[in-house]
Protein backbone atom coordinates (compact mmCIF):
# COMPACT_ATOMS: atom_id res chain seq x y z
CA MET A 1 123.47 110.53 110.94
CA SER A 2 121.02 113.31 109.74
CA PRO A 3 118.74 110.87 108.39
CA LEU A 4 118.13 109.02 111.74
CA PRO A 5 115.17 110.77 112.79
CA PHE A 6 113.76 110.54 109.23
CA TYR A 7 114.27 106.73 109.06
CA THR A 8 113.13 105.64 112.52
CA ILE A 9 110.10 108.14 113.10
CA GLY A 10 107.89 105.46 111.48
CA VAL A 11 108.98 102.84 114.15
CA PHE A 12 108.26 105.29 117.17
CA ALA A 13 105.18 106.43 115.56
CA ILE A 14 103.12 103.07 116.81
CA PRO A 15 104.32 103.26 120.22
CA LEU A 16 103.88 106.87 120.52
CA THR A 17 100.10 106.69 119.01
CA LYS A 18 99.49 103.82 121.69
CA ASN A 19 101.00 105.25 124.97
CA PHE A 20 100.02 108.92 124.50
CA GLY A 21 96.76 108.79 122.40
CA TRP A 22 98.09 110.92 119.57
CA GLY A 23 97.03 111.02 116.10
CA MET A 24 99.57 109.79 113.23
CA ASP A 25 99.38 113.43 111.99
CA THR A 26 100.54 114.73 115.46
CA VAL A 27 103.45 112.17 115.38
CA MET A 28 104.59 113.12 112.01
CA GLY A 29 104.22 116.73 112.84
CA GLY A 30 107.62 116.46 114.34
CA LEU A 31 109.09 116.45 111.07
CA THR A 32 107.01 119.63 110.21
CA VAL A 33 108.81 121.42 113.13
CA PHE A 34 112.05 120.08 112.13
CA THR A 35 111.53 121.38 108.61
CA LEU A 36 110.74 124.95 109.89
CA ALA A 37 113.59 124.91 112.12
CA ALA A 38 115.77 123.57 109.25
CA LEU A 39 114.83 126.42 106.95
CA VAL A 40 116.91 128.81 109.51
CA ALA A 41 119.33 126.36 110.82
CA SER A 42 120.68 124.92 107.56
CA PRO A 43 121.97 128.36 105.77
CA LEU A 44 123.14 129.45 109.16
CA VAL A 45 125.32 126.24 109.80
CA GLY A 46 126.31 126.26 106.19
CA TYR A 47 127.66 129.90 106.75
CA ILE A 48 129.57 128.57 109.88
CA ALA A 49 130.96 125.71 108.11
CA ASP A 50 132.23 128.01 105.26
CA LYS A 51 133.91 130.13 107.99
CA ILE A 52 135.28 127.78 110.68
CA GLY A 53 135.49 124.66 108.75
CA ALA A 54 133.45 121.60 108.05
CA ARG A 55 135.41 119.24 110.46
CA LYS A 56 134.58 121.68 113.69
CA THR A 57 131.07 121.87 112.65
CA ALA A 58 130.52 118.40 112.06
CA LEU A 59 131.99 117.24 115.43
CA TRP A 60 130.06 119.63 117.47
CA SER A 61 126.86 118.72 115.81
CA LEU A 62 127.31 115.03 116.06
CA LEU A 63 127.92 115.46 119.80
CA LEU A 64 124.83 117.66 120.54
CA PHE A 65 122.54 115.43 117.88
CA GLY A 66 123.17 112.37 119.77
CA LEU A 67 122.44 113.94 123.19
CA THR A 68 119.18 115.77 121.83
CA PHE A 69 117.91 112.52 120.21
CA MET A 70 118.29 110.74 123.58
CA ALA A 71 116.23 113.64 125.29
CA PHE A 72 113.20 112.20 123.69
CA ASN A 73 113.18 109.42 126.36
CA PHE A 74 112.10 112.00 128.89
CA ASN A 75 108.95 112.77 127.10
CA MET A 76 105.86 111.96 129.37
CA GLY A 77 103.30 112.62 126.85
CA SER A 78 103.48 116.38 126.11
CA PRO A 79 103.56 117.22 122.51
CA ILE A 80 105.01 120.82 123.29
CA LEU A 81 108.10 118.89 124.43
CA TYR A 82 108.10 116.71 121.75
CA TYR A 83 107.91 119.33 119.11
CA PHE A 84 110.70 121.42 121.11
CA LEU A 85 112.98 118.57 120.84
CA TRP A 86 112.50 118.29 117.13
CA GLY A 87 113.14 121.93 116.70
CA LEU A 88 116.22 121.80 118.80
CA LEU A 89 117.34 118.54 117.07
CA ALA A 90 117.37 120.64 113.67
CA PHE A 91 119.51 123.28 114.88
CA VAL A 92 122.11 121.08 116.74
CA GLY A 93 121.91 118.33 114.22
CA ALA A 94 122.21 120.68 111.07
CA GLY A 95 126.03 120.26 111.11
CA THR A 96 125.41 116.56 110.09
CA LEU A 97 123.74 117.28 107.09
CA PRO A 98 125.40 116.52 103.56
CA MET A 99 126.22 120.00 103.16
CA THR A 100 129.21 119.62 105.76
CA TRP A 101 130.63 116.48 104.33
CA THR A 102 129.99 117.31 100.74
CA ARG A 103 131.98 120.64 101.28
CA ALA A 104 135.13 118.59 102.12
CA ILE A 105 134.46 116.12 99.16
CA ASN A 106 133.83 118.76 96.68
CA ASN A 107 137.05 120.33 97.75
CA TRP A 108 138.93 117.15 97.70
CA PHE A 109 137.66 115.86 94.36
CA ASN A 110 137.13 117.33 90.83
CA GLU A 111 137.15 114.54 88.34
CA ASN A 112 135.10 111.49 89.57
CA ARG A 113 133.19 114.11 91.96
CA GLY A 114 130.03 112.20 91.58
CA LEU A 115 131.28 108.76 92.50
CA ALA A 116 133.21 110.42 95.43
CA LEU A 117 129.93 112.14 96.61
CA GLY A 118 128.13 108.83 96.15
CA LEU A 119 130.64 106.89 98.22
CA SER A 120 130.77 109.38 100.88
CA LEU A 121 127.13 109.47 101.45
CA LEU A 122 126.64 105.66 101.53
CA GLY A 123 126.14 106.09 105.36
CA THR A 124 122.76 107.20 105.02
CA GLY A 125 121.85 104.05 103.05
CA ILE A 126 123.50 101.83 105.70
CA PHE A 127 122.02 103.42 108.70
CA GLY A 128 118.82 103.89 106.80
CA ALA A 129 118.56 99.95 106.50
CA PHE A 130 120.11 99.40 109.80
CA ALA A 131 118.44 102.08 111.92
CA LYS A 132 114.90 100.90 111.37
CA LEU A 133 115.58 97.42 112.40
CA TYR A 134 117.90 98.49 115.34
CA ALA A 135 115.09 100.86 116.63
CA TYR A 136 112.52 98.29 116.12
CA SER A 137 114.49 95.75 118.06
CA LEU A 138 115.03 98.12 121.00
CA VAL A 139 111.49 98.81 121.10
CA GLU A 140 110.37 95.42 121.20
CA SER A 141 112.97 94.32 123.84
CA LEU A 142 113.43 97.53 125.98
CA GLY A 143 110.35 99.85 125.10
CA TRP A 144 110.53 103.04 123.05
CA LYS A 145 112.29 105.26 125.90
CA MET A 146 115.32 103.16 125.92
CA ALA A 147 115.17 102.83 122.09
CA TYR A 148 115.51 106.59 121.83
CA VAL A 149 118.51 106.20 123.93
CA GLY A 150 119.89 103.39 121.82
CA VAL A 151 119.49 105.12 118.59
CA GLY A 152 120.96 108.63 120.08
CA LEU A 153 124.07 106.53 120.84
CA LEU A 154 124.87 105.78 117.40
CA PRO A 155 126.22 109.14 116.44
CA LEU A 156 128.03 109.38 119.73
CA LEU A 157 129.94 106.01 119.63
CA ILE A 158 130.24 105.70 115.81
CA ALA A 159 130.18 108.61 113.87
CA LEU A 160 131.84 110.96 116.22
CA PRO A 161 135.10 108.87 116.66
CA ILE A 162 135.25 108.36 112.98
CA ALA A 163 134.83 112.15 112.07
CA TYR A 164 137.45 113.15 114.75
CA PHE A 165 140.03 110.74 113.50
CA PHE A 166 139.49 110.56 109.68
CA PHE A 167 137.58 113.69 108.66
CA ARG A 168 139.65 116.57 106.99
CA ASP A 169 138.82 119.39 104.78
CA THR A 170 141.48 120.87 102.38
CA ASP A 171 142.06 123.73 104.77
CA ASP A 172 143.00 121.52 107.63
CA PRO A 173 146.70 122.19 108.64
CA LYS A 174 147.19 118.63 109.31
CA VAL A 175 146.65 117.83 105.74
CA ALA A 176 148.43 121.27 104.39
CA ASP A 177 151.27 118.90 102.73
CA LYS A 178 149.02 116.62 100.99
CA VAL A 179 147.07 119.53 99.76
CA ALA A 180 150.12 121.27 98.44
CA LYS A 181 151.34 118.37 96.63
CA LEU A 182 147.82 117.89 95.05
CA ARG A 183 147.79 121.47 93.74
CA SER A 184 151.23 121.22 92.24
CA ASP A 185 150.42 117.99 90.57
CA ILE A 186 146.85 119.05 89.41
CA PRO A 187 146.98 123.10 88.78
CA ASP A 188 143.24 123.19 88.14
CA HIS A 189 142.41 121.83 91.44
CA ALA A 190 143.61 124.88 93.07
CA LYS A 191 140.74 126.91 91.92
CA GLY A 192 138.19 124.40 93.16
CA ASN A 193 137.56 125.70 96.57
CA THR A 194 137.76 129.26 95.65
CA ALA A 195 135.91 130.03 92.51
CA GLY A 196 132.20 130.19 92.54
CA LEU A 197 129.25 132.62 92.99
CA THR A 198 128.64 134.43 96.56
CA VAL A 199 125.54 133.84 98.27
CA LYS A 200 123.87 136.94 97.23
CA GLU A 201 124.70 136.16 93.40
CA ALA A 202 123.29 132.73 93.81
CA LEU A 203 120.02 133.96 95.40
CA GLY A 204 119.67 136.39 92.38
CA ASP A 205 120.38 133.40 89.73
CA TRP A 206 117.07 131.89 88.23
CA LYS A 207 118.89 128.47 88.24
CA PHE A 208 118.66 128.44 92.25
CA TRP A 209 115.33 129.10 92.31
CA LEU A 210 114.42 126.54 89.71
CA LEU A 211 116.32 124.12 91.97
CA ALA A 212 114.54 125.28 94.99
CA PHE A 213 111.06 124.36 93.29
CA CYS A 214 112.26 121.15 91.78
CA PHE A 215 113.67 120.05 95.23
CA ILE A 216 110.54 120.87 97.10
CA LEU A 217 108.44 118.66 95.13
CA ILE A 218 110.79 115.92 94.81
CA SER A 219 111.52 115.81 98.34
CA PHE A 220 107.66 115.85 99.06
CA GLY A 221 107.35 112.67 96.97
CA VAL A 222 110.09 110.96 98.71
CA GLY A 223 109.74 112.28 102.11
CA GLY A 224 106.15 111.75 102.45
CA PRO A 225 106.00 107.84 102.09
CA ILE A 226 109.30 106.70 103.57
CA PRO A 227 108.46 107.81 107.26
CA ASN A 228 105.01 106.34 106.72
CA LEU A 229 105.90 103.24 105.46
CA GLU A 230 105.25 100.95 108.42
CA PRO A 231 101.74 102.33 109.08
CA LEU A 232 101.18 102.33 105.06
CA LEU A 233 102.06 98.76 104.84
CA GLY A 234 100.05 98.12 108.05
CA SER A 235 96.93 99.51 106.22
CA LYS A 236 97.53 97.24 103.72
CA GLY A 237 97.31 94.21 105.70
CA PHE A 238 100.97 93.53 106.56
CA ASP A 239 101.90 92.68 109.99
CA ALA A 240 104.38 94.90 112.15
CA GLY A 241 107.32 92.63 111.61
CA ASP A 242 107.10 92.31 107.88
CA ALA A 243 106.37 96.01 107.37
CA VAL A 244 109.56 96.66 109.34
CA ILE A 245 111.67 94.50 107.05
CA LEU A 246 110.19 95.83 104.03
CA ALA A 247 110.65 99.54 105.06
CA SER A 248 114.35 98.60 106.13
CA SER A 249 114.85 97.53 102.51
CA ILE A 250 114.86 100.90 101.54
CA GLY A 251 118.23 101.65 102.96
CA TYR A 252 119.96 99.06 100.80
CA ALA A 253 118.11 100.69 97.87
CA VAL A 254 119.62 103.83 98.88
CA LEU A 255 123.12 102.29 98.78
CA VAL A 256 122.45 101.42 95.14
CA GLY A 257 120.91 104.74 94.34
CA ARG A 258 124.01 106.51 95.84
CA LEU A 259 126.49 104.74 93.89
CA LEU A 260 124.62 104.46 90.51
CA GLY A 261 123.70 107.93 90.77
CA GLY A 262 127.48 109.07 91.56
CA TYR A 263 128.60 107.11 88.71
CA LEU A 264 126.05 108.41 85.99
CA LEU A 265 126.75 111.92 87.12
CA ASP A 266 130.32 111.90 86.30
CA ARG A 267 129.63 110.40 82.84
CA PHE A 268 126.44 112.14 81.72
CA TRP A 269 124.96 115.49 82.17
CA ALA A 270 123.55 115.76 85.74
CA PRO A 271 120.19 117.18 84.99
CA ALA A 272 119.44 114.19 82.54
CA VAL A 273 120.43 111.66 85.14
CA ALA A 274 118.25 113.62 87.68
CA PHE A 275 115.35 113.31 85.45
CA LEU A 276 115.42 109.75 84.69
CA LEU A 277 116.01 108.59 88.41
CA LEU A 278 113.75 111.09 90.16
CA SER A 279 110.78 110.65 87.88
CA ILE A 280 110.96 106.77 87.94
CA PRO A 281 109.49 106.73 91.71
CA ALA A 282 106.27 107.93 90.54
CA ILE A 283 105.92 104.07 89.79
CA SER A 284 106.33 103.35 93.46
CA CYS A 285 103.47 105.43 94.38
CA LEU A 286 101.14 103.68 91.81
CA LEU A 287 102.15 100.22 92.97
CA LEU A 288 101.65 101.16 96.70
CA GLN A 289 98.14 102.23 95.79
CA SER A 290 97.18 98.82 95.00
CA THR A 291 94.15 97.53 97.05
CA ASP A 292 95.84 93.97 96.77
CA LEU A 293 99.28 94.71 97.30
CA THR A 294 101.81 91.83 97.40
CA TYR A 295 104.98 91.66 99.28
CA THR A 296 106.92 91.19 95.93
CA ASN A 297 105.22 94.52 94.53
CA ALA A 298 105.64 96.41 97.78
CA LEU A 299 109.37 95.30 97.85
CA ILE A 300 109.61 96.53 94.40
CA ALA A 301 108.05 99.91 94.93
CA ILE A 302 110.17 100.57 98.11
CA ILE A 303 113.46 99.66 96.02
CA ILE A 304 112.50 102.10 93.42
CA LEU A 305 111.58 104.84 95.87
CA GLY A 306 115.10 104.10 97.67
CA PHE A 307 116.70 104.67 94.40
CA GLY A 308 115.30 108.09 94.22
CA ALA A 309 116.26 108.94 97.88
CA GLY A 310 119.74 107.77 96.92
CA VAL A 311 120.43 110.04 94.33
CA GLU A 312 118.97 113.31 96.03
CA TYR A 313 121.76 114.17 98.26
CA ASP A 314 124.43 113.32 95.61
CA LEU A 315 122.44 115.32 93.06
CA MET A 316 122.06 118.35 95.21
CA ALA A 317 125.74 118.57 96.16
CA TYR A 318 126.80 117.99 92.49
CA LEU A 319 124.48 120.57 90.97
CA VAL A 320 125.42 123.17 93.71
CA SER A 321 129.19 122.51 93.11
CA ARG A 322 128.87 122.77 89.35
CA TYR A 323 126.44 125.67 89.03
CA PHE A 324 127.52 127.80 91.84
CA GLY A 325 131.04 126.72 92.68
CA MET A 326 132.74 126.27 96.04
CA LYS A 327 133.29 129.96 97.05
CA ASN A 328 130.23 129.88 99.31
CA TYR A 329 129.25 126.39 98.77
CA ALA A 330 128.02 125.22 102.09
CA ALA A 331 125.88 128.35 102.96
CA ILE A 332 124.12 127.83 99.26
CA TYR A 333 123.79 124.41 99.91
CA GLY A 334 122.15 125.33 103.14
CA PHE A 335 119.77 127.61 101.58
CA LEU A 336 118.75 125.09 99.16
CA TYR A 337 118.49 122.37 101.72
CA GLY A 338 116.00 124.36 103.38
CA PHE A 339 113.75 124.14 100.63
CA PHE A 340 114.46 120.35 100.36
CA ALA A 341 113.80 120.25 104.03
CA MET A 342 110.36 121.99 103.32
CA GLY A 343 109.09 119.32 101.24
CA ALA A 344 110.53 116.32 103.06
CA GLY A 345 109.12 117.95 106.52
CA PHE A 346 105.62 118.60 105.27
CA GLY A 347 105.37 115.60 103.35
CA PRO A 348 104.99 113.21 106.16
CA VAL A 349 102.61 115.29 108.00
CA VAL A 350 100.29 115.67 104.78
CA PHE A 351 100.37 111.95 104.38
CA GLY A 352 99.36 111.32 107.91
CA LYS A 353 96.60 113.83 107.81
CA PHE A 354 95.15 111.90 104.68
CA PHE A 355 95.32 108.74 106.55
CA ALA A 356 93.59 110.14 109.68
CA LYS A 357 90.85 111.62 107.65
CA THR A 358 90.37 108.79 104.87
CA GLY A 359 92.04 105.76 106.63
CA SER A 360 94.10 105.21 103.34
CA TYR A 361 97.27 106.64 101.80
CA ASP A 362 96.11 106.02 98.34
CA THR A 363 94.98 109.50 97.43
CA ILE A 364 97.99 111.30 98.66
CA LEU A 365 100.18 108.67 96.96
CA GLY A 366 98.60 109.82 93.67
CA TYR A 367 99.80 113.35 94.32
CA ALA A 368 103.37 112.32 95.34
CA ALA A 369 103.57 110.62 91.71
CA ILE A 370 102.57 113.71 90.11
CA ALA A 371 105.02 115.70 92.48
CA PHE A 372 107.80 113.41 91.27
CA ILE A 373 106.96 114.17 87.47
CA LEU A 374 106.52 117.97 88.14
CA GLY A 375 109.73 118.12 90.08
CA SER A 376 111.97 116.32 87.64
CA VAL A 377 111.10 117.59 84.24
CA PRO A 378 112.23 121.31 84.98
CA LEU A 379 115.96 120.15 85.87
CA LEU A 380 116.16 119.86 82.11
CA LEU A 381 116.24 123.60 81.69
CA LEU A 382 119.22 123.96 83.77
CA GLY A 383 121.76 124.26 80.65
CA LYS A 384 125.54 123.59 80.67
CA TYR A 385 127.76 123.70 83.60
CA ARG A 386 129.39 126.80 84.72
CA ASP A 387 133.22 127.01 83.97
CA PHE A 388 134.73 128.74 87.08
CA SER A 389 138.19 128.61 85.76
CA LYS A 390 137.58 131.54 83.73
CA LYS A 391 136.07 133.87 86.52
CA ASN A 392 137.19 133.73 90.12
CA THR A 393 134.16 135.19 91.82
């Protein structure tokens, strides 16, 4: 559910600018507020998930996330209320971020962990494709206010029941027998959820800061254009319907990126996989710069961009588990996600400001292409995975 605001803000941007007279940078500024709040919320909620468990954290967060998203319906044109709700959404919704779900996945899986992560995070791709079309249809038929209510119901009616009945971490008493059998059959698995670095050790490790640097740039490259796809395509001459259909295709590309990325992470050195899949989206930025952008080229660009977006969360979860272990996994992931959110949050508003100033996204797309390259190359410096079976830290 966490990508819902990110994937739907482009749909809401047009009615908000028309109804309230806001600029595109004002609307996209909500993601910047979300980012600043996430810098505090994500490590805090990660710490909570490590202490009370992923399941409780996720259930409460899904409930509050849905209610807060619905509250955007009450805005009568106040930017202050708009930004307040974005900040609140970051805090109450932090438990729906991948650090919660992937904590459980990493605890359950050691072999084929990459594919397991990819499969478990397919929902972000599915809802990425569905949410844009769903939100657009609600805006067209019921107006933007009821569209916020309709989108806010998704975590309450779909994700919350599924998580309540089926989401269990290895520390859940209801699966104690299954976990005991697993650890009896696979002794090495018993070490998987206790070994690793502490938060303090991780923050003192150069590899953490290298990942932080890389993910700021990569998330800027991905996070800048995706929420702006509808207005970006509109500036290239596409009508609103075609723009939404094209933009929604990114969700399907994310699905493929999740599975392909997860499969490759299990079979090859993860930084090399990351370099390959996260440098290629630079091509998308160059295609979208075209003055005579065709439907086919736009679709190709969006699909390639979706591949990059698809592998991001898998990669972050996988790298944290392999280089920092599971001892304080959610908290470390939360700190790293804060840097990821910085790029993803400031990206859209920077894109919006460039458009407001120049009437075009072409220049900022060029910078995004550079960000993909500069963010992916340093990943090759990470070196071999740590072996936590030799040290129970």
